[in-house]
């Protein structure tokens, strides 16, 4: 893939961000950026493309196959697209997002398939789906890029893990479909997310959220995890901690008041969960962020 160092520009209708990251390894390439609103017109590649978009992404994608007419989908939040070689596709990023494009050469795919003793495989496309494993791999790669610490040993290991997952999960030769399809659907997911944002200071049980989605609690919990990559409880806790971080930065409210406004049952619970998610106490977080 050494002759395709500008592959990211194929189909690009807007200039790339001034601060973006490009890395070429043996048989693969990686692009990472805090991507502003931007578009790629219809194009295709000889390699496989894996696109990872992280919140607050809002993406519209369209693609064509030899057997079907144009297909399209729209999704908000964390998303993944797996695009097989030669498939025409176009994408509109309607909102800023952490974006990671990964390009895997055919020879790289074959090498990994041989390593895992997979004799029959054909990569199957999956546009705008939730896949928590690929999302976490994308986050890890993005962190290394932003720290300017991405090296061949780390990147190659990540690409091998990613490709192994792709060949086992998105393999058209297998009878089962990818396990991360589906979810709540864009409209229902948006309604639940908006309700959570407005109600962080209140109790948010699975039953209450399921009522907003108009489905049974058990079914809701399964589809919510498919849509977001998190259980309802973990997602709500994460949003409460993120709201608390904002209040600690923007206000001088006492910790007890911050805990109350973010829906924690006590100041002790707030401190415990804050340390678990952020890696430090609320007090140290506020002090380290002070000018």
Protein backbone atom coordinates (compact mmCIF):
# COMPACT_ATOMS: atom_id res chain seq x y z
CA UNK A 1 0.00 0.00 0.00
CA UNK A 2 3.05 2.24 -0.14
CA UNK A 3 1.92 3.88 -3.38
CA UNK A 4 -1.45 4.87 -1.88
CA UNK A 5 -0.34 7.24 0.86
CA UNK A 6 -3.04 9.70 -0.17
CA UNK A 7 -5.82 7.12 -0.32
CA UNK A 8 -7.77 9.16 2.23
CA UNK A 9 -8.17 11.90 -0.38
CA UNK A 10 -10.04 9.63 -2.81
CA UNK A 11 -13.57 11.03 -2.88
CA UNK A 12 -12.84 13.78 -0.34
CA UNK A 13 -14.85 16.93 -1.06
CA UNK A 14 -13.33 18.97 1.79
CA UNK A 15 -9.72 19.61 2.85
CA UNK A 16 -8.41 17.35 5.59
CA UNK A 17 -8.01 18.95 9.03
CA UNK A 18 -4.66 20.67 9.49
CA UNK A 19 -3.90 18.37 12.43
CA UNK A 20 -4.49 14.82 11.25
CA UNK A 21 -2.48 11.64 11.52
CA UNK A 22 -1.41 9.30 8.75
CA UNK A 23 0.45 6.05 9.38
CA UNK A 24 1.49 3.39 6.89
CA UNK A 25 2.41 -0.10 7.99
CA UNK A 26 3.09 -3.31 6.13
CA UNK A 27 -0.14 -3.92 4.25
CA UNK A 28 -2.30 -1.34 6.01
CA UNK A 29 -2.70 2.38 6.53
CA UNK A 30 -4.34 4.46 9.27
CA UNK A 31 -5.89 7.95 9.20
CA UNK A 32 -7.06 9.61 12.41
CA UNK A 33 -8.40 13.11 13.11
CA UNK A 34 -10.85 15.21 15.02
CA UNK A 35 -12.91 15.50 11.88
CA UNK A 36 -15.13 18.54 11.25
CA UNK A 37 -18.29 18.34 9.16
CA UNK A 38 -17.12 16.88 5.86
CA UNK A 39 -18.13 14.71 2.93
CA UNK A 40 -16.71 12.00 0.69
CA UNK A 41 -18.43 11.60 -2.68
CA UNK A 42 -18.96 8.14 -4.13
CA UNK A 43 -15.72 6.20 -4.50
CA UNK A 44 -14.27 2.75 -3.92
CA UNK A 45 -10.92 1.20 -2.98
CA UNK A 46 -9.01 -1.91 -3.94
CA UNK A 47 -8.47 -2.55 -0.23
CA UNK A 48 -10.94 -3.03 2.61
CA UNK A 49 -11.91 0.14 4.48
CA UNK A 50 -12.91 0.18 8.14
CA UNK A 51 -14.32 3.47 9.37
CA UNK A 52 -14.74 4.18 13.08
CA UNK A 53 -16.62 7.28 14.22
CA UNK A 54 -16.91 8.21 17.89
CA UNK A 55 -19.39 10.52 19.62
CA UNK A 56 -20.72 13.06 18.90
CA UNK A 57 -20.70 11.71 15.35
CA UNK A 58 -23.80 12.00 13.16
CA UNK A 59 -23.25 10.21 9.86
CA UNK A 60 -25.18 9.58 6.66
CA UNK A 61 -23.82 6.78 4.48
CA UNK A 62 -24.88 5.41 1.10
CA UNK A 63 -23.51 2.47 -0.87
CA UNK A 64 -24.15 0.29 -3.90
CA UNK A 65 -23.79 -3.43 -4.53
CA UNK A 66 -23.99 -5.42 -7.75
CA UNK A 67 -27.22 -7.03 -6.64
CA UNK A 68 -29.09 -4.12 -5.11
CA UNK A 69 -29.94 -0.52 -5.81
CA UNK A 70 -28.61 2.32 -3.68
CA UNK A 71 -28.75 1.71 0.07
CA UNK A 72 -28.45 4.35 2.77
CA UNK A 73 -28.46 4.68 6.52
CA UNK A 74 -28.06 7.42 9.13
CA UNK A 75 -26.68 6.99 12.63
CA UNK A 76 -25.76 9.11 15.65
CA UNK A 77 -23.06 8.29 18.17
CA UNK A 78 -20.41 5.59 18.04
CA UNK A 79 -20.46 3.76 14.73
CA UNK A 80 -18.46 1.40 12.54
CA UNK A 81 -18.50 0.73 8.80
CA UNK A 82 -16.83 -2.26 7.17
CA UNK A 83 -16.56 -1.73 3.42
CA UNK A 84 -15.32 -4.55 1.23
CA UNK A 85 -12.93 -3.90 -1.66
CA UNK A 86 -14.52 -2.46 -4.77
CA UNK A 87 -17.82 -1.38 -3.18
CA UNK A 88 -18.91 2.16 -4.20
CA UNK A 89 -19.85 4.25 -1.17
CA UNK A 90 -20.22 7.84 -0.04
CA UNK A 91 -20.35 9.42 3.40
CA UNK A 92 -21.47 12.70 4.95
CA UNK A 93 -20.18 13.52 8.42
CA UNK A 94 -22.84 15.95 9.59
CA UNK A 95 -21.21 16.68 12.94
CA UNK A 96 -17.68 16.80 14.36
CA UNK A 97 -16.34 13.40 15.36
CA UNK A 98 -13.26 11.46 16.30
CA UNK A 99 -12.64 9.64 13.03
CA UNK A 100 -10.39 6.69 12.31
CA UNK A 101 -10.11 5.27 8.79
CA UNK A 102 -8.24 1.98 8.47
CA UNK A 103 -7.28 0.53 5.09
CA UNK A 104 -6.41 -3.18 4.96
CA UNK A 105 -4.72 -4.57 1.87
CA UNK A 106 -5.86 -7.89 0.38
CA UNK A 107 -2.49 -9.50 1.10
CA UNK A 108 -2.72 -8.44 4.75
CA UNK A 109 -6.20 -9.99 5.02
CA UNK A 110 -4.92 -13.21 3.43
CA UNK A 111 -1.95 -13.37 5.76
CA UNK A 112 -4.11 -13.08 8.87
CA UNK A 113 -6.61 -15.59 7.45
CA UNK A 114 -3.76 -18.07 7.02
CA UNK A 115 -2.53 -17.40 10.56
CA UNK A 116 -5.94 -18.23 12.05
CA UNK A 117 -6.35 -21.18 9.65
CA UNK A 118 -9.37 -19.77 7.93
CA UNK A 119 -9.53 -21.38 4.49
CA UNK A 120 -12.81 -19.88 3.24
CA UNK A 121 -13.61 -16.23 3.75
CA UNK A 122 -15.12 -13.25 1.99
CA UNK A 123 -15.36 -9.95 3.83
CA UNK A 124 -18.96 -8.81 4.17
CA UNK A 125 -19.81 -5.11 4.25
CA UNK A 126 -21.63 -3.64 7.24
CA UNK A 127 -22.44 0.07 7.09
CA UNK A 128 -23.05 2.16 10.22
CA UNK A 129 -23.31 -0.62 12.79
CA UNK A 130 -22.36 -0.82 16.46
CA UNK A 131 -19.34 -2.97 17.28
CA UNK A 132 -17.88 -2.26 20.74
CA UNK A 133 -14.67 -4.21 20.09
CA UNK A 134 -13.80 -2.26 16.93
CA UNK A 135 -14.75 1.00 18.66
CA UNK A 136 -12.31 0.28 21.50
CA UNK A 137 -9.56 -0.63 19.05
CA UNK A 138 -10.21 2.68 17.31
CA UNK A 139 -9.94 4.58 20.60
CA UNK A 140 -6.65 2.90 21.38
CA UNK A 141 -5.21 3.76 17.97
CA UNK A 142 -6.48 7.36 18.23
CA UNK A 143 -4.84 7.82 21.63
CA UNK A 144 -1.50 6.64 20.24
CA UNK A 145 -1.84 8.95 17.24
CA UNK A 146 -2.70 12.00 19.34
CA UNK A 147 0.25 11.28 21.62
CA UNK A 148 2.42 10.93 18.48
CA UNK A 149 3.44 7.53 19.81
CA UNK A 150 2.00 5.18 17.19
CA UNK A 151 4.68 2.68 16.15
CA UNK A 152 4.74 -0.37 13.92
CA UNK A 153 4.73 -2.93 16.75
CA UNK A 154 1.61 -1.48 18.37
CA UNK A 155 -0.19 -0.67 15.11
CA UNK A 156 0.55 -4.08 13.62
CA UNK A 157 -0.81 -5.84 16.70
CA UNK A 158 -3.99 -3.76 16.60
CA UNK A 159 -4.47 -4.47 12.88
CA UNK A 160 -4.03 -8.20 13.43
CA UNK A 161 -6.63 -8.21 16.21
CA UNK A 162 -8.98 -6.12 14.08
CA UNK A 163 -8.58 -8.33 11.02
CA UNK A 164 -9.08 -11.52 13.04
CA UNK A 165 -12.34 -10.09 14.37
CA UNK A 166 -13.46 -9.02 10.90
CA UNK A 167 -12.77 -12.41 9.34
CA UNK A 168 -14.64 -14.23 12.08
CA UNK A 169 -17.56 -11.83 12.46
CA UNK A 170 -18.11 -10.28 9.04
CA UNK A 171 -17.50 -13.32 6.86
CA UNK A 172 -19.95 -13.82 4.01
CA UNK A 173 -18.95 -17.50 3.86
CA UNK A 174 -20.49 -18.10 7.26
CA UNK A 175 -24.21 -18.66 7.68
CA UNK A 176 -24.57 -16.34 10.66
CA UNK A 177 -24.86 -12.58 10.22
CA UNK A 178 -22.65 -10.08 12.05
CA UNK A 179 -23.71 -10.02 15.68
CA UNK A 180 -23.67 -6.24 16.09
CA UNK A 181 -26.38 -5.29 13.62
CA UNK A 182 -29.70 -3.78 14.62
CA UNK A 183 -30.27 -1.74 17.72
CA UNK A 184 -32.94 0.73 18.69
CA UNK A 185 -32.99 2.59 15.39
CA UNK A 186 -31.97 6.26 14.96
CA UNK A 187 -35.24 7.92 16.03
CA UNK A 188 -35.83 5.75 19.11
CA UNK A 189 -32.17 5.94 20.16
CA UNK A 190 -32.24 9.75 19.86
CA UNK A 191 -35.42 9.91 21.97
CA UNK A 192 -33.88 7.79 24.74
CA UNK A 193 -30.59 9.73 24.72
CA UNK A 194 -32.43 13.04 24.94
CA UNK A 195 -34.53 11.75 27.84
CA UNK A 196 -31.38 10.65 29.68
CA UNK A 197 -29.74 14.05 29.18
CA UNK A 198 -32.79 15.84 30.60
CA UNK A 199 -33.14 13.43 33.53
CA UNK A 200 -29.63 12.82 34.86
CA UNK A 201 -30.59 14.32 38.23
CA UNK A 202 -33.38 11.74 38.61
CA UNK A 203 -33.55 7.98 38.98
CA UNK A 204 -33.13 6.35 35.58
CA UNK A 205 -34.14 2.72 35.78
CA UNK A 206 -34.22 0.33 32.83
CA UNK A 207 -38.01 0.21 33.21
CA UNK A 208 -38.28 4.00 32.90
CA UNK A 209 -36.04 4.09 29.83
CA UNK A 210 -37.90 1.16 28.28
CA UNK A 211 -41.14 3.14 28.59
CA UNK A 212 -39.57 6.01 26.67
CA UNK A 213 -38.58 3.52 23.95
CA UNK A 214 -42.04 1.86 24.14
CA UNK A 215 -40.77 -1.69 24.53
CA UNK A 216 -40.23 -4.28 27.25
CA UNK A 217 -37.30 -3.71 29.64
CA UNK A 218 -35.56 -6.95 28.63
CA UNK A 219 -35.81 -6.27 24.91
CA UNK A 220 -34.83 -2.63 25.42
CA UNK A 221 -31.67 -3.57 27.34
CA UNK A 222 -30.48 -5.84 24.51
CA UNK A 223 -31.16 -3.29 21.75
CA UNK A 224 -29.72 -0.38 23.75
CA UNK A 225 -26.43 -2.22 24.11
CA UNK A 226 -26.41 -2.98 20.38
CA UNK A 227 -27.01 0.71 19.62
CA UNK A 228 -24.53 2.28 22.05
CA UNK A 229 -22.07 -0.45 23.01
CA UNK A 230 -23.01 0.05 26.69
CA UNK A 231 -25.56 -1.38 29.08
CA UNK A 232 -28.19 1.23 30.07
CA UNK A 233 -26.74 1.42 33.60
CA UNK A 234 -23.16 1.93 32.39
CA UNK A 235 -24.21 4.52 29.82
CA UNK A 236 -26.18 6.55 32.40
CA UNK A 237 -23.30 6.38 34.91
CA UNK A 238 -20.83 7.49 32.26
CA UNK A 239 -23.03 10.46 31.31
CA UNK A 240 -23.43 11.42 35.00
CA UNK A 241 -19.67 11.44 35.47
CA UNK A 242 -19.20 13.50 32.31
CA UNK A 243 -21.84 15.99 33.51
CA UNK A 244 -20.05 16.18 36.86
CA UNK A 245 -16.76 16.91 35.10
CA UNK A 246 -18.40 19.83 33.31
CA UNK A 247 -19.88 21.22 36.52
CA UNK A 248 -16.53 20.93 38.29
CA UNK A 249 -14.89 22.89 35.48
CA UNK A 250 -17.58 25.55 35.04
CA UNK A 251 -18.79 26.15 38.61
CA UNK A 252 -17.57 26.29 42.19
CA UNK A 253 -20.45 24.16 43.49
CA UNK A 254 -19.70 21.98 46.52
CA UNK A 255 -19.19 18.30 45.75
CA UNK A 256 -22.44 17.37 47.48
CA UNK A 257 -24.38 19.71 45.18
CA UNK A 258 -22.58 18.38 42.09
CA UNK A 259 -23.46 14.84 43.19
CA UNK A 260 -27.12 15.81 43.67
CA UNK A 261 -27.42 17.57 40.29
CA UNK A 262 -25.91 14.59 38.49
CA UNK A 263 -28.17 11.99 40.10
CA UNK A 264 -25.71 10.24 42.42
CA UNK A 265 -27.34 8.83 45.56
CA UNK A 266 -24.64 10.25 47.85
CA UNK A 267 -21.41 12.20 47.83
CA UNK A 268 -19.56 8.98 48.65
CA UNK A 269 -21.01 7.20 45.61
CA UNK A 270 -20.13 10.22 43.46
CA UNK A 271 -16.47 10.21 44.56
CA UNK A 272 -16.14 6.44 44.13
CA UNK A 273 -17.59 6.35 40.62
CA UNK A 274 -15.80 9.53 39.56
CA UNK A 275 -12.44 8.02 40.54
CA UNK A 276 -13.32 4.78 38.73
CA UNK A 277 -14.18 6.51 35.45
CA UNK A 278 -11.79 9.47 35.47
CA UNK A 279 -8.85 8.00 37.37
CA UNK A 280 -8.69 10.74 40.01
CA UNK A 281 -10.87 12.33 42.69
CA UNK A 282 -13.24 15.24 41.99
CA UNK A 283 -11.07 17.51 44.11
CA UNK A 284 -7.87 16.74 42.25
CA UNK A 285 -9.70 17.00 38.93
CA UNK A 286 -10.97 20.49 39.77
CA UNK A 287 -7.61 21.65 41.12
CA UNK A 288 -5.66 20.34 38.12
CA UNK A 289 -8.03 22.16 35.76
CA UNK A 290 -7.76 25.51 37.55
CA UNK A 291 -5.68 28.20 35.80
